Amino acid sequence: MLTTMAAAALALTALVPTGGVVQTEAPPDYVTVDLVTVNGSGCPAGTTAVAASPDRTSFTVTYSSYLAQAGADTEPTDFRKNCQLALRVNYPQGFTYGVAQADYRGFAHLQPGASALEQAGYYFQGQSGTTRKSHTFRGPQSDNWQATDSTEWGSIVFAPCGERKILNVNTELRVNAGNSRGTSFIVMDSTDGSAGTRYHFSWKRCS
């Protein structure tokens, strides 16, 4: 009886989020992430980089030119920027993964009356996409911003076992000038580029 209870307790512990992130298995021995293709007005060629974390629990995307703006001295197409990344995640056989949480960061300068929106979603090649989640910021504001998208354990979409599917990540920034004066903008990543967008893995062993 005690052995059964201990085993059950260990199983429950494996499903408890740590720092808001679901960790179902210890990470595999190695994880690398390759940027296959980049498309979108918010991520011109050469302005995006991706890297797996040393502890193999997440990967980070950094941008150097992801900015949407509206208002005085801006072009009509500047109010909306988007980026679609195709990523290949490499890891040992016998594992699969999903994205349990995504942390988005940036800087926003919004005049009184202006607003900005950050929106994101992802999907594996050949599968339907996750529900796109959005966050709205309203002026007046001139500060760093952060938004977190978390997925409940039962809703995490895992890559098919035994197949290496491309992970597509779609993000979008918008600015609505409203009745504001001057220029308003929102940037993905901080102004000095030191903070990246982080995607947290949830690992699972394949049977």
Protein backbone atom coordinates (compact mmCIF):
# COMPACT_ATOMS: atom_id res chain seq x y z
CA MET A 1 0.00 0.00 0.00
CA LEU A 2 2.73 2.45 0.95
CA THR A 3 4.61 1.66 -2.25
CA THR A 4 1.49 2.31 -4.32
CA MET A 5 0.83 5.62 -2.54
CA ALA A 6 4.44 6.72 -3.05
CA ALA A 7 4.26 5.90 -6.76
CA ALA A 8 1.02 7.87 -7.07
CA ALA A 9 2.57 10.85 -5.30
CA LEU A 10 5.53 10.81 -7.68
CA ALA A 11 3.20 10.69 -10.68
CA LEU A 12 1.25 13.69 -9.40
CA THR A 13 4.46 15.61 -8.70
CA ALA A 14 5.52 15.15 -12.33
CA LEU A 15 2.43 17.08 -13.42
CA VAL A 16 2.79 20.01 -11.02
CA PRO A 17 3.86 23.22 -12.76
CA THR A 18 7.23 24.60 -11.67
CA GLY A 19 7.30 28.38 -11.92
CA GLY A 20 4.14 28.25 -14.01
CA VAL A 21 5.63 25.79 -16.52
CA VAL A 22 4.46 22.18 -16.81
CA GLN A 23 7.38 19.74 -16.73
CA THR A 24 6.26 16.14 -17.30
CA GLU A 25 9.65 14.51 -17.81
CA ALA A 26 13.28 15.36 -17.28
CA PRO A 27 14.59 17.04 -20.45
CA PRO A 28 16.45 14.83 -22.94
CA ASP A 29 20.24 14.77 -23.11
CA TYR A 30 20.45 17.29 -25.93
CA VAL A 31 18.17 19.83 -27.60
CA THR A 32 18.98 22.18 -30.46
CA VAL A 33 16.70 24.48 -32.43
CA ASP A 34 17.30 25.46 -36.06
CA LEU A 35 15.66 28.38 -37.85
CA VAL A 36 14.43 26.88 -41.14
CA THR A 37 12.57 29.82 -42.69
CA VAL A 38 11.57 33.35 -41.66
CA ASN A 39 8.72 35.29 -43.25
CA GLY A 40 6.98 38.52 -42.40
CA SER A 41 7.26 42.29 -42.34
CA GLY A 42 8.45 42.25 -38.72
CA CYS A 43 11.45 39.99 -39.25
CA PRO A 44 13.48 40.84 -42.36
CA ALA A 45 16.28 38.46 -43.28
CA GLY A 46 19.13 38.53 -40.80
CA THR A 47 17.18 40.13 -37.94
CA THR A 48 16.03 37.00 -36.09
CA ALA A 49 17.95 34.40 -34.08
CA VAL A 50 16.92 31.32 -32.08
CA ALA A 51 18.72 29.24 -29.46
CA ALA A 52 17.89 26.44 -27.02
CA SER A 53 18.58 27.10 -23.34
CA PRO A 54 21.52 25.22 -21.73
CA ASP A 55 19.13 23.35 -19.40
CA ARG A 56 17.04 22.22 -22.43
CA THR A 57 13.76 23.39 -20.89
CA SER A 58 13.10 26.25 -23.33
CA PHE A 59 14.26 28.13 -26.38
CA THR A 60 14.60 31.85 -27.02
CA VAL A 61 13.84 33.92 -30.11
CA THR A 62 15.43 37.34 -30.44
CA TYR A 63 14.48 40.03 -32.93
CA SER A 64 16.35 43.20 -33.86
CA SER A 65 13.84 44.90 -36.17
CA TYR A 66 10.34 43.95 -34.99
CA LEU A 67 8.51 47.27 -34.62
CA ALA A 68 4.98 48.47 -35.42
CA GLN A 69 4.09 52.15 -35.28
CA ALA A 70 1.32 54.60 -36.11
CA GLY A 71 0.66 58.31 -35.94
CA ALA A 72 2.70 61.26 -37.12
CA ASP A 73 5.49 60.64 -39.65
CA THR A 74 4.63 56.95 -40.17
CA GLU A 75 3.63 55.04 -43.30
CA PRO A 76 0.11 53.54 -43.62
CA THR A 77 1.54 50.00 -43.58
CA ASP A 78 3.63 50.56 -40.43
CA PHE A 79 0.75 49.96 -38.00
CA ARG A 80 0.90 46.14 -38.41
CA LYS A 81 3.94 43.87 -38.44
CA ASN A 82 4.01 40.08 -38.36
CA CYS A 83 6.50 37.24 -38.31
CA GLN A 84 6.19 33.52 -39.07
CA LEU A 85 9.06 31.28 -38.04
CA ALA A 86 9.54 27.66 -39.12
CA LEU A 87 11.67 25.88 -36.52
CA ARG A 88 13.24 22.43 -36.43
CA VAL A 89 13.71 21.14 -32.88
CA ASN A 90 16.31 18.35 -32.62
CA TYR A 91 16.27 15.92 -29.67
CA PRO A 92 16.84 12.19 -28.96
CA GLN A 93 14.44 9.53 -30.15
CA GLY A 94 11.89 8.38 -27.59
CA PHE A 95 10.81 11.90 -26.64
CA THR A 96 8.23 14.37 -27.86
CA TYR A 97 7.46 17.93 -26.81
CA GLY A 98 4.87 20.64 -26.68
CA VAL A 99 4.96 24.33 -25.79
CA ALA A 100 3.62 24.83 -22.26
CA GLN A 101 4.23 28.55 -21.95
CA ALA A 102 5.45 31.50 -24.00
CA ASP A 103 6.85 34.72 -22.51
CA TYR A 104 6.79 37.74 -24.81
CA ARG A 105 8.70 40.91 -24.00
CA GLY A 106 9.23 44.28 -25.54
CA PHE A 107 8.97 48.05 -25.22
CA ALA A 108 5.97 50.26 -25.95
CA HIS A 109 5.71 54.01 -26.33
CA LEU A 110 2.02 54.88 -26.62
CA GLN A 111 0.57 58.37 -26.69
CA PRO A 112 -2.65 59.12 -24.77
CA GLY A 113 -5.51 57.67 -26.81
CA ALA A 114 -3.33 55.12 -28.63
CA SER A 115 -3.24 51.35 -28.08
CA ALA A 116 -1.15 48.38 -29.16
CA LEU A 117 -1.77 44.67 -29.54
CA GLU A 118 0.53 41.64 -29.37
CA GLN A 119 -0.86 38.37 -30.71
CA ALA A 120 0.67 34.92 -31.12
CA GLY A 121 0.00 31.27 -31.84
CA TYR A 122 1.84 28.19 -33.06
CA TYR A 123 1.25 24.85 -34.75
CA PHE A 124 3.12 21.76 -35.85
CA GLN A 125 3.44 21.00 -39.55
CA GLY A 126 0.29 19.21 -40.73
CA GLN A 127 -1.69 19.97 -37.56
CA SER A 128 -4.26 22.62 -36.73
CA GLY A 129 -2.96 25.67 -34.94
CA THR A 130 -3.41 26.66 -31.32
CA THR A 131 -5.86 29.39 -30.45
CA ARG A 132 -4.17 32.72 -31.04
CA LYS A 133 -3.88 34.68 -27.79
CA SER A 134 -3.68 38.45 -27.70
CA HIS A 135 -2.70 41.15 -25.22
CA THR A 136 -3.64 44.83 -25.44
CA PHE A 137 -1.68 47.80 -24.09
CA ARG A 138 -3.10 51.32 -23.79
CA GLY A 139 -1.50 54.73 -23.66
CA PRO A 140 -0.19 56.79 -22.13
CA GLN A 141 2.70 54.42 -21.61
CA SER A 142 6.43 54.40 -22.27
CA ASP A 143 7.94 51.33 -20.67
CA ASN A 144 8.92 47.70 -21.07
CA TRP A 145 6.02 45.26 -21.40
CA GLN A 146 5.68 41.53 -20.83
CA ALA A 147 2.90 39.08 -21.74
CA THR A 148 2.66 35.37 -20.90
CA ASP A 149 0.58 32.72 -22.66
CA SER A 150 0.18 29.55 -20.59
CA THR A 151 -1.47 26.30 -21.66
CA GLU A 152 -3.22 23.91 -19.32
CA TRP A 153 -1.67 20.43 -19.20
CA GLY A 154 -4.60 18.76 -20.95
CA SER A 155 -4.53 21.29 -23.78
CA ILE A 156 -0.82 21.16 -24.65
CA VAL A 157 -0.33 20.10 -28.27
CA PHE A 158 2.55 17.62 -28.58
CA ALA A 159 4.49 16.78 -31.72
CA PRO A 160 3.64 13.29 -33.03
CA CYS A 161 5.90 10.59 -31.61
CA GLY A 162 8.41 9.22 -34.10
CA GLU A 163 8.02 12.18 -36.48
CA ARG A 164 10.06 15.36 -36.68
CA LYS A 165 7.50 18.01 -37.52
CA ILE A 166 8.37 21.64 -38.18
CA LEU A 167 7.12 23.98 -35.44
CA ASN A 168 5.55 27.14 -36.90
CA VAL A 169 5.38 30.18 -34.62
CA ASN A 170 3.24 33.15 -35.70
CA THR A 171 3.38 36.54 -33.97
CA GLU A 172 1.88 39.93 -34.75
CA LEU A 173 2.19 43.50 -33.47
CA ARG A 174 -0.34 46.27 -34.13
CA VAL A 175 -0.68 49.91 -33.16
CA ASN A 176 -3.89 51.91 -33.27
CA ALA A 177 -3.22 55.65 -33.12
CA GLY A 178 -6.85 56.42 -32.23
CA ASN A 179 -7.25 60.12 -31.49
CA SER A 180 -3.68 60.49 -30.24
CA ARG A 181 -1.07 62.97 -31.35
CA GLY A 182 2.53 62.19 -32.18
CA THR A 183 3.99 58.75 -32.88
CA SER A 184 3.20 55.56 -30.98
CA PHE A 185 5.07 52.28 -31.36
CA ILE A 186 5.54 48.81 -29.91
CA VAL A 187 8.67 46.67 -30.21
CA MET A 188 9.10 42.92 -29.68
CA ASP A 189 12.10 42.56 -27.33
CA SER A 190 13.49 45.31 -25.17
CA THR A 191 15.08 48.39 -26.71
CA ASP A 192 18.59 47.07 -26.04
CA GLY A 193 17.81 43.60 -27.41
CA SER A 194 18.89 41.89 -24.18
CA ALA A 195 15.62 40.04 -23.54
CA GLY A 196 14.19 37.49 -25.93
CA THR A 197 10.85 35.79 -26.38
CA ARG A 198 11.04 32.49 -24.48
CA TYR A 199 9.08 29.32 -25.27
CA HIS A 200 9.01 26.69 -22.51
CA PHE A 201 9.05 23.02 -23.47
CA SER A 202 6.90 20.32 -21.91
CA TRP A 203 8.67 17.00 -22.52
CA LYS A 204 7.07 13.59 -22.65
CA ARG A 205 8.40 10.10 -23.35
CA CYS A 206 6.89 8.18 -26.23
CA SER A 207 5.62 4.68 -25.51
